[in-house]
């Protein structure tokens, strides 16, 4: 079947808009900064990370503590990330990814249950890459970038953590998990903006 031809042009002229000649000229450097700030916004970063929300987490059981004295397993989900811009010479963003987990730690043939709220912190930087790419650089988080708050149901978390290092295990697991998630193809593709391709496509659409 032959493709239909639009009967109206893709772009229309606004008679009230200023003419190109009347617009204020400014430097390539200032133009580039404005372009980056328009192309990479908190809303776009939020949209790029939206696929993380609701992802199920299933961890363990894993032996922990001295001589594998205890075992730990957890189930939960990632909740909606929050994004905020960071003032500075670079275009950067701070991201916090909340994670809720329900934990079971087995020690001396007894199960101890916990609820845990975690926050993984990421730092994002928009970088210019050849040829005409905008790349959102996200260094993999380390366990130091993960905060853990545990609410014990029964045995005190501080006592059990001395045996099983629950905090440390969760920090290491979440750091590795988030590092893998941000490298998945669906998120990776949204982190790499091919400006030349977008311009060429727009030209073809309006020709």
N, C-alpha and C. Protein backbone atom coordinates (compact mmCIF):
# COMPACT_ATOMS: atom_id res chain seq x y z
N UNK A 1 0.85 -1.19 0.00
CA UNK A 1 0.00 0.00 0.00
C UNK A 1 0.88 1.23 0.00
N UNK A 2 0.60 2.16 -0.88
CA UNK A 2 1.40 3.38 -0.95
C UNK A 2 1.14 4.24 0.26
N UNK A 3 2.21 4.88 0.75
CA UNK A 3 2.06 5.73 1.92
C UNK A 3 1.34 7.00 1.54
N UNK A 4 0.53 7.51 2.45
CA UNK A 4 -0.21 8.74 2.17
C UNK A 4 0.70 9.94 2.27
N UNK A 5 0.39 10.98 1.50
CA UNK A 5 1.18 12.21 1.51
C UNK A 5 0.43 13.25 2.29
N UNK A 6 1.05 13.89 3.26
CA UNK A 6 0.36 14.89 4.06
C UNK A 6 -0.15 16.02 3.17
N UNK A 7 -1.33 16.48 3.48
CA UNK A 7 -1.91 17.58 2.69
C UNK A 7 -1.53 18.93 3.26
N UNK A 8 -0.95 18.92 4.49
CA UNK A 8 -0.52 20.17 5.08
C UNK A 8 0.94 20.05 5.45
N UNK A 9 1.70 21.13 5.41
CA UNK A 9 3.12 21.06 5.75
C UNK A 9 3.31 20.74 7.22
N UNK A 10 4.45 20.08 7.51
CA UNK A 10 4.73 19.69 8.89
C UNK A 10 5.00 20.90 9.77
N UNK A 11 5.52 21.99 9.19
CA UNK A 11 5.81 23.19 9.96
C UNK A 11 5.04 24.35 9.35
N UNK A 12 4.46 25.20 10.18
CA UNK A 12 3.73 26.37 9.70
C UNK A 12 4.41 27.63 10.19
N UNK A 13 4.20 28.72 9.44
CA UNK A 13 4.83 29.98 9.80
C UNK A 13 3.92 30.77 10.72
N UNK A 14 4.48 31.23 11.82
CA UNK A 14 3.73 32.06 12.76
C UNK A 14 4.01 33.52 12.42
N UNK A 15 3.02 34.26 11.92
CA UNK A 15 3.27 35.65 11.50
C UNK A 15 3.65 36.56 12.66
N UNK A 16 3.30 36.17 13.89
CA UNK A 16 3.61 37.02 15.05
C UNK A 16 5.01 36.76 15.61
N UNK A 17 5.66 35.69 15.15
CA UNK A 17 7.00 35.36 15.65
C UNK A 17 8.02 36.33 15.07
N UNK A 18 9.07 36.66 15.85
CA UNK A 18 10.11 37.54 15.31
C UNK A 18 10.85 36.87 14.17
N UNK A 19 11.31 37.66 13.23
CA UNK A 19 12.06 37.10 12.12
C UNK A 19 13.42 36.62 12.59
N UNK A 20 14.01 35.61 11.93
CA UNK A 20 15.33 35.13 12.34
C UNK A 20 16.37 36.25 12.41
N UNK A 21 16.28 37.21 11.49
CA UNK A 21 17.27 38.30 11.46
C UNK A 21 17.18 39.20 12.69
N UNK A 22 15.98 39.28 13.28
CA UNK A 22 15.80 40.20 14.41
C UNK A 22 16.19 39.60 15.75
N UNK A 23 16.42 38.28 15.78
CA UNK A 23 16.77 37.64 17.04
C UNK A 23 18.19 38.00 17.44
N UNK A 24 18.44 38.06 18.75
CA UNK A 24 19.75 38.43 19.26
C UNK A 24 20.76 37.31 19.01
N UNK A 25 21.89 37.65 18.46
CA UNK A 25 22.94 36.66 18.22
C UNK A 25 23.80 36.50 19.47
N UNK A 26 24.21 35.27 19.71
CA UNK A 26 25.13 35.06 20.83
C UNK A 26 26.11 33.94 20.49
N UNK A 27 27.05 33.69 21.40
CA UNK A 27 28.18 32.83 21.08
C UNK A 27 27.78 31.36 20.95
N UNK A 28 28.60 30.61 20.21
CA UNK A 28 28.39 29.18 20.12
C UNK A 28 28.43 28.53 21.51
N UNK A 29 29.34 29.04 22.36
CA UNK A 29 29.50 28.46 23.69
C UNK A 29 28.21 28.64 24.51
N UNK A 30 27.64 29.85 24.47
CA UNK A 30 26.41 30.11 25.21
C UNK A 30 25.25 29.32 24.63
N UNK A 31 25.23 29.21 23.29
CA UNK A 31 24.20 28.41 22.62
C UNK A 31 24.28 26.96 23.08
N UNK A 32 25.52 26.44 23.15
CA UNK A 32 25.70 25.05 23.57
C UNK A 32 25.21 24.81 24.98
N UNK A 33 25.47 25.75 25.87
CA UNK A 33 25.00 25.62 27.25
C UNK A 33 23.47 25.60 27.29
N UNK A 34 22.87 26.54 26.56
CA UNK A 34 21.41 26.59 26.53
C UNK A 34 20.83 25.31 25.93
N UNK A 35 21.49 24.79 24.91
CA UNK A 35 21.02 23.55 24.28
C UNK A 35 21.04 22.40 25.29
N UNK A 36 22.14 22.27 26.03
CA UNK A 36 22.25 21.19 27.00
C UNK A 36 21.18 21.32 28.09
N UNK A 37 20.98 22.55 28.57
CA UNK A 37 20.01 22.74 29.64
C UNK A 37 18.58 22.48 29.17
N UNK A 38 18.33 22.63 27.87
CA UNK A 38 17.02 22.34 27.31
C UNK A 38 16.87 20.85 27.01
N UNK A 39 17.95 20.23 26.53
CA UNK A 39 17.89 18.82 26.14
C UNK A 39 17.87 17.89 27.34
N UNK A 40 18.56 18.28 28.42
CA UNK A 40 18.69 17.41 29.58
C UNK A 40 18.08 18.12 30.79
N UNK A 41 16.89 17.68 31.19
CA UNK A 41 16.17 18.30 32.29
C UNK A 41 15.81 17.26 33.34
N UNK A 42 15.37 17.75 34.50
CA UNK A 42 14.97 16.82 35.56
C UNK A 42 13.81 15.93 35.10
N UNK A 43 12.89 16.51 34.31
CA UNK A 43 11.76 15.71 33.83
C UNK A 43 12.22 14.58 32.90
N UNK A 44 13.20 14.88 32.04
CA UNK A 44 13.68 13.85 31.12
C UNK A 44 14.47 12.77 31.86
N UNK A 45 15.25 13.18 32.86
CA UNK A 45 15.96 12.19 33.67
C UNK A 45 14.95 11.31 34.41
N UNK A 46 13.91 11.94 34.95
CA UNK A 46 12.87 11.20 35.65
C UNK A 46 12.22 10.18 34.72
N UNK A 47 11.95 10.60 33.49
CA UNK A 47 11.33 9.69 32.52
C UNK A 47 12.26 8.53 32.16
N UNK A 48 13.57 8.83 32.06
CA UNK A 48 14.53 7.79 31.71
C UNK A 48 14.63 6.73 32.80
N UNK A 49 14.41 7.13 34.05
CA UNK A 49 14.53 6.19 35.17
C UNK A 49 13.19 5.60 35.60
N UNK A 50 12.11 6.01 34.92
CA UNK A 50 10.77 5.59 35.34
C UNK A 50 10.60 4.07 35.29
N UNK A 51 11.31 3.41 34.38
CA UNK A 51 11.15 1.96 34.24
C UNK A 51 11.66 1.20 35.46
N UNK A 52 12.44 1.87 36.33
CA UNK A 52 12.91 1.20 37.54
C UNK A 52 11.80 1.03 38.57
N UNK A 53 10.84 1.96 38.57
CA UNK A 53 9.79 1.97 39.59
C UNK A 53 8.96 0.68 39.53
N UNK A 54 8.83 0.05 40.68
CA UNK A 54 8.03 -1.17 40.75
C UNK A 54 8.80 -2.45 40.47
N UNK A 55 10.07 -2.33 40.06
CA UNK A 55 10.86 -3.54 39.80
C UNK A 55 10.99 -4.37 41.08
N UNK A 56 10.72 -5.66 40.95
CA UNK A 56 10.79 -6.55 42.11
C UNK A 56 12.24 -6.91 42.42
N UNK A 57 12.53 -7.04 43.70
CA UNK A 57 13.85 -7.45 44.16
C UNK A 57 13.70 -8.73 44.97
N UNK A 58 14.50 -9.71 44.65
CA UNK A 58 14.47 -11.00 45.35
C UNK A 58 15.92 -11.38 45.62
N UNK A 59 16.31 -11.34 46.87
CA UNK A 59 17.71 -11.51 47.25
C UNK A 59 17.85 -12.67 48.23
N UNK A 60 18.81 -13.56 47.95
CA UNK A 60 19.11 -14.65 48.87
C UNK A 60 18.23 -15.87 48.67
N UNK A 61 18.29 -16.86 49.61
CA UNK A 61 19.04 -16.76 50.87
C UNK A 61 20.56 -16.83 50.65
N UNK A 62 21.27 -16.10 51.49
CA UNK A 62 22.73 -16.05 51.40
C UNK A 62 23.30 -16.20 52.81
N UNK A 63 24.32 -17.06 52.95
CA UNK A 63 24.98 -17.22 54.23
C UNK A 63 25.84 -16.00 54.53
N UNK A 64 25.72 -15.51 55.75
CA UNK A 64 26.45 -14.31 56.16
C UNK A 64 27.01 -14.52 57.55
N UNK A 65 27.86 -13.58 57.95
CA UNK A 65 28.44 -13.63 59.28
C UNK A 65 29.59 -14.61 59.36
N UNK A 66 30.23 -14.69 60.52
CA UNK A 66 31.36 -15.61 60.72
C UNK A 66 30.96 -17.05 60.45
N UNK A 67 31.70 -17.72 59.56
CA UNK A 67 31.46 -19.12 59.22
C UNK A 67 30.05 -19.37 58.72
N UNK A 68 29.44 -18.35 58.12
CA UNK A 68 28.08 -18.51 57.60
C UNK A 68 27.08 -18.84 58.68
N UNK A 69 27.26 -18.22 59.85
CA UNK A 69 26.44 -18.52 61.01
C UNK A 69 24.96 -18.22 60.77
N UNK A 70 24.69 -17.20 59.95
CA UNK A 70 23.31 -16.80 59.69
C UNK A 70 23.07 -16.78 58.19
N UNK A 71 21.81 -16.73 57.81
CA UNK A 71 21.47 -16.56 56.40
C UNK A 71 20.44 -15.44 56.28
N UNK A 72 20.47 -14.77 55.16
CA UNK A 72 19.59 -13.63 54.95
C UNK A 72 18.92 -13.75 53.59
N UNK A 73 17.65 -13.40 53.54
CA UNK A 73 16.94 -13.29 52.27
C UNK A 73 16.00 -12.09 52.35
N UNK A 74 15.70 -11.54 51.19
CA UNK A 74 14.87 -10.33 51.16
C UNK A 74 14.04 -10.29 49.90
N UNK A 75 12.85 -9.71 50.03
CA UNK A 75 11.99 -9.44 48.89
C UNK A 75 11.45 -8.03 49.02
N UNK A 76 11.28 -7.37 47.88
CA UNK A 76 10.77 -6.01 47.93
C UNK A 76 10.69 -5.41 46.55
N UNK A 77 10.74 -4.09 46.49
CA UNK A 77 10.61 -3.41 45.22
C UNK A 77 11.30 -2.05 45.24
N UNK A 78 11.59 -1.56 44.03
CA UNK A 78 12.11 -0.21 43.88
C UNK A 78 10.93 0.75 43.80
N UNK A 79 11.03 1.84 44.50
CA UNK A 79 9.99 2.86 44.44
C UNK A 79 10.46 4.04 43.59
N UNK A 80 9.58 4.98 43.34
CA UNK A 80 9.84 6.03 42.35
C UNK A 80 11.07 6.87 42.71
N UNK A 81 12.06 6.95 41.80
CA UNK A 81 13.24 7.78 42.05
C UNK A 81 12.87 9.26 42.07
N UNK A 82 13.64 10.03 42.82
CA UNK A 82 13.50 11.49 42.82
C UNK A 82 14.75 12.09 42.19
N UNK A 83 14.57 13.17 41.43
CA UNK A 83 15.66 13.80 40.69
C UNK A 83 15.70 15.28 41.01
N UNK A 84 16.87 15.81 41.28
CA UNK A 84 17.03 17.25 41.50
C UNK A 84 18.30 17.72 40.80
N UNK A 85 18.25 18.94 40.29
CA UNK A 85 19.41 19.49 39.59
C UNK A 85 20.44 19.99 40.60
N UNK A 86 21.71 19.99 40.18
CA UNK A 86 22.81 20.44 41.02
C UNK A 86 23.46 21.66 40.35
N UNK A 87 23.53 22.75 41.07
CA UNK A 87 24.12 23.97 40.52
C UNK A 87 25.62 23.80 40.33
N UNK A 88 26.14 24.34 39.23
CA UNK A 88 27.58 24.27 38.99
C UNK A 88 27.91 24.46 37.53
N UNK A 89 29.19 24.39 37.20
CA UNK A 89 29.63 24.57 35.81
C UNK A 89 29.11 23.45 34.92
N UNK A 90 29.07 22.23 35.46
CA UNK A 90 28.55 21.09 34.70
C UNK A 90 27.05 20.96 34.91
N UNK A 91 26.39 20.33 33.96
CA UNK A 91 24.96 20.06 34.10
C UNK A 91 24.84 18.72 34.79
N UNK A 92 24.48 18.77 36.06
CA UNK A 92 24.47 17.57 36.88
C UNK A 92 23.15 17.42 37.62
N UNK A 93 22.88 16.19 38.04
CA UNK A 93 21.66 15.88 38.76
C UNK A 93 21.97 14.91 39.89
N UNK A 94 21.20 15.05 40.95
CA UNK A 94 21.28 14.12 42.06
C UNK A 94 20.03 13.25 42.04
N UNK A 95 20.21 11.94 42.11
CA UNK A 95 19.09 11.00 42.06
C UNK A 95 19.09 10.15 43.32
N UNK A 96 17.91 10.00 43.91
CA UNK A 96 17.73 9.12 45.05
C UNK A 96 16.73 8.04 44.65
N UNK A 97 17.13 6.77 44.77
CA UNK A 97 16.27 5.65 44.42
C UNK A 97 15.85 4.94 45.71
N UNK A 98 14.58 5.08 46.12
CA UNK A 98 14.11 4.41 47.34
C UNK A 98 13.83 2.92 47.07
N UNK A 99 14.14 2.10 48.03
CA UNK A 99 13.92 0.66 47.91
C UNK A 99 13.32 0.15 49.22
N UNK A 100 12.24 -0.61 49.11
CA UNK A 100 11.62 -1.21 50.29
C UNK A 100 11.85 -2.71 50.27
N UNK A 101 12.30 -3.26 51.39
CA UNK A 101 12.56 -4.70 51.49
C UNK A 101 11.96 -5.28 52.76
N UNK A 102 11.50 -6.50 52.64
CA UNK A 102 11.13 -7.29 53.81
C UNK A 102 12.17 -8.39 53.96
N UNK A 103 12.82 -8.43 55.11
CA UNK A 103 13.96 -9.32 55.33
C UNK A 103 13.61 -10.46 56.27
N UNK A 104 14.25 -11.58 56.01
CA UNK A 104 14.23 -12.69 56.95
C UNK A 104 15.66 -13.11 57.20
N UNK A 105 16.08 -13.04 58.44
CA UNK A 105 17.42 -13.49 58.83
C UNK A 105 17.27 -14.73 59.71
N UNK A 106 17.86 -15.82 59.26
CA UNK A 106 17.78 -17.07 60.02
C UNK A 106 19.05 -17.24 60.85
N UNK A 107 18.85 -17.35 62.15
CA UNK A 107 19.98 -17.47 63.07
C UNK A 107 19.62 -18.48 64.15
N UNK A 108 20.48 -19.49 64.30
CA UNK A 108 20.26 -20.53 65.33
C UNK A 108 18.87 -21.15 65.19
N UNK A 109 18.52 -21.49 63.92
CA UNK A 109 17.26 -22.18 63.61
C UNK A 109 16.02 -21.33 63.87
N UNK A 110 16.21 -20.04 64.06
CA UNK A 110 15.07 -19.13 64.26
C UNK A 110 15.09 -18.03 63.19
N UNK A 111 13.89 -17.71 62.70
CA UNK A 111 13.76 -16.63 61.71
C UNK A 111 13.44 -15.32 62.41
N UNK A 112 14.18 -14.29 62.02
CA UNK A 112 13.94 -12.94 62.55
C UNK A 112 13.58 -12.04 61.37
N UNK A 113 12.47 -11.33 61.50
CA UNK A 113 11.94 -10.57 60.37
C UNK A 113 12.15 -9.07 60.58
N UNK A 114 12.42 -8.42 59.46
CA UNK A 114 12.70 -7.00 59.48
C UNK A 114 12.03 -6.32 58.29
N UNK A 115 11.83 -5.02 58.44
CA UNK A 115 11.48 -4.17 57.30
C UNK A 115 12.64 -3.20 57.11
N UNK A 116 12.99 -2.98 55.87
CA UNK A 116 14.13 -2.10 55.59
C UNK A 116 13.78 -1.08 54.51
N UNK A 117 14.12 0.16 54.77
CA UNK A 117 14.01 1.23 53.78
C UNK A 117 15.43 1.64 53.39
N UNK A 118 15.71 1.57 52.11
CA UNK A 118 17.05 1.91 51.61
C UNK A 118 16.94 3.07 50.64
N UNK A 119 18.03 3.82 50.52
CA UNK A 119 18.11 4.92 49.56
C UNK A 119 19.46 4.84 48.85
N UNK A 120 19.39 4.55 47.55
CA UNK A 120 20.61 4.53 46.74
C UNK A 120 20.76 5.89 46.07
N UNK A 121 21.93 6.49 46.23
CA UNK A 121 22.17 7.84 45.69
C UNK A 121 23.08 7.77 44.47
N UNK A 122 22.65 8.44 43.40
CA UNK A 122 23.43 8.49 42.16
C UNK A 122 23.72 9.93 41.81
N UNK A 123 24.83 10.13 41.12
CA UNK A 123 25.19 11.45 40.59
C UNK A 123 25.27 11.35 39.07
N UNK A 124 24.47 12.16 38.36
CA UNK A 124 24.41 12.12 36.90
C UNK A 124 25.03 13.39 36.33
N UNK A 125 25.78 13.23 35.24
CA UNK A 125 26.39 14.37 34.56
C UNK A 125 26.13 14.28 33.07
N UNK A 126 25.63 15.37 32.48
CA UNK A 126 25.43 15.43 31.02
C UNK A 126 26.76 15.79 30.37
N UNK A 127 27.24 14.96 29.45
CA UNK A 127 28.53 15.18 28.81
C UNK A 127 28.38 15.23 27.29
N UNK A 128 29.20 16.05 26.66
CA UNK A 128 29.24 16.12 25.19
C UNK A 128 30.22 15.07 24.69
N UNK A 129 29.75 14.24 23.74
CA UNK A 129 30.58 13.18 23.18
C UNK A 129 30.56 13.29 21.66
N UNK A 130 31.71 13.00 21.04
CA UNK A 130 31.77 12.98 19.58
C UNK A 130 31.10 11.71 19.05
N UNK A 131 30.44 11.77 17.87
CA UNK A 131 30.16 12.98 17.10
C UNK A 131 28.74 13.49 17.39
N UNK A 132 28.63 14.60 18.07
CA UNK A 132 27.34 15.23 18.39
C UNK A 132 26.40 14.31 19.18
N UNK A 133 26.92 13.81 20.28
CA UNK A 133 26.09 13.03 21.19
C UNK A 133 26.04 13.73 22.55
N UNK A 134 24.89 13.63 23.19
CA UNK A 134 24.76 14.01 24.59
C UNK A 134 24.66 12.71 25.39
N UNK A 135 25.60 12.50 26.29
CA UNK A 135 25.62 11.25 27.06
C UNK A 135 25.42 11.55 28.53
N UNK A 136 24.47 10.83 29.14
CA UNK A 136 24.22 10.99 30.57
C UNK A 136 25.10 9.98 31.31
N UNK A 137 26.13 10.50 31.92
CA UNK A 137 27.12 9.67 32.61
C UNK A 137 26.62 9.36 34.03
N UNK A 138 26.52 8.07 34.36
CA UNK A 138 26.07 7.65 35.69
C UNK A 138 27.09 6.66 36.26
N UNK A 139 28.03 7.12 37.07
CA UNK A 139 28.97 6.18 37.68
C UNK A 139 28.24 5.15 38.54
N UNK A 140 28.71 3.92 38.50
CA UNK A 140 28.09 2.86 39.31
C UNK A 140 28.20 3.22 40.80
N UNK A 141 27.12 3.04 41.55
CA UNK A 141 27.19 3.35 42.98
C UNK A 141 28.03 2.33 43.74
N UNK A 142 28.60 2.77 44.84
CA UNK A 142 29.29 1.86 45.75
C UNK A 142 28.40 1.67 46.97
N UNK A 143 28.81 0.78 47.85
CA UNK A 143 28.00 0.54 49.05
C UNK A 143 27.92 1.79 49.92
N UNK A 144 28.90 2.71 49.78
CA UNK A 144 28.86 3.96 50.55
C UNK A 144 27.74 4.88 50.07
N UNK A 145 27.22 4.63 48.86
CA UNK A 145 26.14 5.45 48.32
C UNK A 145 24.76 4.93 48.70
N UNK A 146 24.70 3.91 49.53
CA UNK A 146 23.42 3.30 49.91
C UNK A 146 23.20 3.49 51.41
N UNK A 147 22.07 4.09 51.75
CA UNK A 147 21.68 4.25 53.15
C UNK A 147 20.67 3.16 53.51
N UNK A 148 20.78 2.64 54.73
CA UNK A 148 19.90 1.56 55.17
C UNK A 148 19.27 1.93 56.51
N UNK A 149 17.96 1.78 56.57
CA UNK A 149 17.24 1.96 57.84
C UNK A 149 16.41 0.71 58.08
N UNK A 150 16.70 -0.01 59.15
CA UNK A 150 16.05 -1.29 59.43
C UNK A 150 15.15 -1.17 60.65
N UNK A 151 13.94 -1.70 60.51
CA UNK A 151 13.01 -1.78 61.63
C UNK A 151 12.85 -3.24 61.99
N UNK A 152 13.28 -3.60 63.18
CA UNK A 152 13.24 -4.99 63.60
C UNK A 152 11.86 -5.37 64.10
N UNK A 153 11.49 -6.62 63.88
CA UNK A 153 10.27 -7.19 64.43
C UNK A 153 10.70 -8.36 65.32
N UNK A 154 10.99 -8.07 66.55
CA UNK A 154 11.49 -9.12 67.43
C UNK A 154 12.88 -8.75 67.92
N UNK A 155 13.87 -9.56 67.56
CA UNK A 155 15.24 -9.33 67.99
C UNK A 155 15.73 -7.99 67.49
N UNK A 156 16.39 -7.23 68.33
CA UNK A 156 16.87 -5.91 67.96
C UNK A 156 17.82 -5.99 66.78
N UNK A 157 17.64 -5.05 65.83
CA UNK A 157 18.47 -5.05 64.62
C UNK A 157 19.93 -4.87 64.95
N UNK A 158 20.24 -4.04 65.96
CA UNK A 158 21.64 -3.78 66.29
C UNK A 158 22.34 -5.03 66.80
N UNK A 159 21.61 -5.87 67.53
CA UNK A 159 22.19 -7.11 68.05
C UNK A 159 22.44 -8.08 66.89
N UNK A 160 21.44 -8.25 66.05
CA UNK A 160 21.57 -9.19 64.94
C UNK A 160 22.60 -8.73 63.94
N UNK A 161 22.69 -7.42 63.72
CA UNK A 161 23.64 -6.90 62.75
C UNK A 161 25.08 -7.19 63.18
N UNK A 162 25.30 -7.27 64.50
CA UNK A 162 26.63 -7.61 64.98
C UNK A 162 27.04 -9.02 64.61
N UNK A 163 26.05 -9.88 64.40
CA UNK A 163 26.33 -11.27 64.03
C UNK A 163 26.36 -11.44 62.52
N UNK A 164 25.38 -10.83 61.83
CA UNK A 164 25.19 -11.12 60.42
C UNK A 164 25.60 -9.99 59.48
N UNK A 165 25.92 -8.81 59.99
CA UNK A 165 26.27 -7.65 59.15
C UNK A 165 25.17 -7.41 58.10
N UNK A 166 23.93 -7.29 58.58
CA UNK A 166 22.78 -7.11 57.70
C UNK A 166 22.93 -5.84 56.87
N UNK A 167 23.30 -4.73 57.53
CA UNK A 167 23.46 -3.45 56.81
C UNK A 167 24.45 -3.58 55.66
N UNK A 168 25.61 -4.18 55.97
CA UNK A 168 26.65 -4.30 54.95
C UNK A 168 26.22 -5.16 53.79
N UNK A 169 25.55 -6.28 54.06
CA UNK A 169 25.08 -7.15 52.99
C UNK A 169 24.08 -6.44 52.10
N UNK A 170 23.17 -5.68 52.71
CA UNK A 170 22.17 -4.97 51.92
C UNK A 170 22.80 -3.87 51.08
N UNK A 171 23.74 -3.14 51.65
CA UNK A 171 24.40 -2.07 50.90
C UNK A 171 25.13 -2.64 49.68
N UNK A 172 25.87 -3.73 49.88
CA UNK A 172 26.62 -4.33 48.77
C UNK A 172 25.67 -4.86 47.70
N UNK A 173 24.60 -5.52 48.13
CA UNK A 173 23.65 -6.09 47.17
C UNK A 173 22.97 -5.00 46.36
N UNK A 174 22.47 -3.96 47.03
CA UNK A 174 21.75 -2.89 46.34
C UNK A 174 22.68 -2.12 45.39
N UNK A 175 23.91 -1.88 45.81
CA UNK A 175 24.86 -1.18 44.93
C UNK A 175 25.08 -1.96 43.64
N UNK A 176 25.26 -3.28 43.76
CA UNK A 176 25.46 -4.11 42.57
C UNK A 176 24.19 -4.15 41.71
N UNK A 177 23.04 -4.25 42.37
CA UNK A 177 21.77 -4.33 41.66
C UNK A 177 21.51 -3.07 40.84
N UNK A 178 21.68 -1.90 41.45
CA UNK A 178 21.43 -0.64 40.74
C UNK A 178 22.44 -0.45 39.61
N UNK A 179 23.70 -0.85 39.84
CA UNK A 179 24.73 -0.73 38.79
C UNK A 179 24.32 -1.52 37.55
N UNK A 180 23.73 -2.71 37.74
CA UNK A 180 23.28 -3.51 36.60
C UNK A 180 22.07 -2.90 35.93
N UNK A 181 21.14 -2.36 36.73
CA UNK A 181 19.91 -1.81 36.18
C UNK A 181 20.18 -0.61 35.26
N UNK A 182 21.08 0.28 35.65
CA UNK A 182 21.31 1.49 34.86
C UNK A 182 22.09 1.20 33.58
N UNK A 183 22.62 -0.02 33.45
CA UNK A 183 23.32 -0.41 32.23
C UNK A 183 22.44 -1.25 31.31
N UNK A 184 21.20 -1.51 31.69
CA UNK A 184 20.31 -2.28 30.83
C UNK A 184 20.00 -1.49 29.56
N UNK A 185 19.77 -2.19 28.43
CA UNK A 185 19.61 -1.51 27.14
C UNK A 185 18.55 -0.43 27.11
N UNK A 186 17.39 -0.64 27.78
CA UNK A 186 16.32 0.36 27.70
C UNK A 186 16.71 1.67 28.37
N UNK A 187 17.47 1.60 29.47
CA UNK A 187 17.93 2.81 30.13
C UNK A 187 19.16 3.37 29.42
N UNK A 188 20.06 2.50 29.00
CA UNK A 188 21.27 2.94 28.30
C UNK A 188 20.91 3.73 27.05
N UNK A 189 19.90 3.29 26.31
CA UNK A 189 19.52 3.99 25.07
C UNK A 189 18.99 5.38 25.36
N UNK A 190 18.32 5.57 26.49
CA UNK A 190 17.80 6.88 26.84
C UNK A 190 18.88 7.81 27.39
N UNK A 191 20.02 7.21 27.79
CA UNK A 191 21.13 8.02 28.29
C UNK A 191 22.00 8.55 27.18
N UNK A 192 21.83 8.04 25.95
CA UNK A 192 22.68 8.44 24.83
C UNK A 192 21.81 9.11 23.76
N UNK A 193 21.93 10.43 23.61
CA UNK A 193 21.11 11.20 22.68
C UNK A 193 21.95 11.52 21.45
N UNK A 194 21.56 10.96 20.33
CA UNK A 194 22.26 11.20 19.06
C UNK A 194 21.67 12.46 18.43
N UNK A 195 22.33 13.59 18.62
CA UNK A 195 21.80 14.88 18.16
C UNK A 195 21.76 14.94 16.64
N UNK A 196 22.81 14.47 15.98
CA UNK A 196 22.84 14.51 14.53
C UNK A 196 21.70 13.71 13.93
N UNK A 197 21.47 12.53 14.48
CA UNK A 197 20.38 11.68 13.95
C UNK A 197 19.03 12.36 14.15
N UNK A 198 18.83 12.99 15.31
CA UNK A 198 17.57 13.68 15.59
C UNK A 198 17.36 14.84 14.62
N UNK A 199 18.42 15.59 14.33
CA UNK A 199 18.31 16.71 13.39
C UNK A 199 18.01 16.22 11.98
N UNK A 200 18.70 15.16 11.56
CA UNK A 200 18.46 14.62 10.24
C UNK A 200 17.04 14.09 10.08
N UNK A 201 16.52 13.43 11.14
CA UNK A 201 15.15 12.92 11.10
C UNK A 201 14.16 14.06 11.02
N UNK A 202 14.41 15.13 11.81
CA UNK A 202 13.51 16.28 11.77
C UNK A 202 13.52 16.92 10.38
N UNK A 203 14.71 16.98 9.76
CA UNK A 203 14.80 17.55 8.42
C UNK A 203 14.01 16.71 7.41
N UNK A 204 14.15 15.39 7.53
CA UNK A 204 13.42 14.50 6.61
C UNK A 204 11.90 14.63 6.82
N UNK A 205 11.48 14.78 8.08
CA UNK A 205 10.04 14.88 8.37
C UNK A 205 9.45 16.18 7.86
N UNK A 206 10.27 17.24 7.79
CA UNK A 206 9.74 18.55 7.39
C UNK A 206 10.01 18.87 5.94
N UNK A 207 10.78 18.00 5.25
CA UNK A 207 11.12 18.27 3.86
C UNK A 207 9.90 18.11 2.95
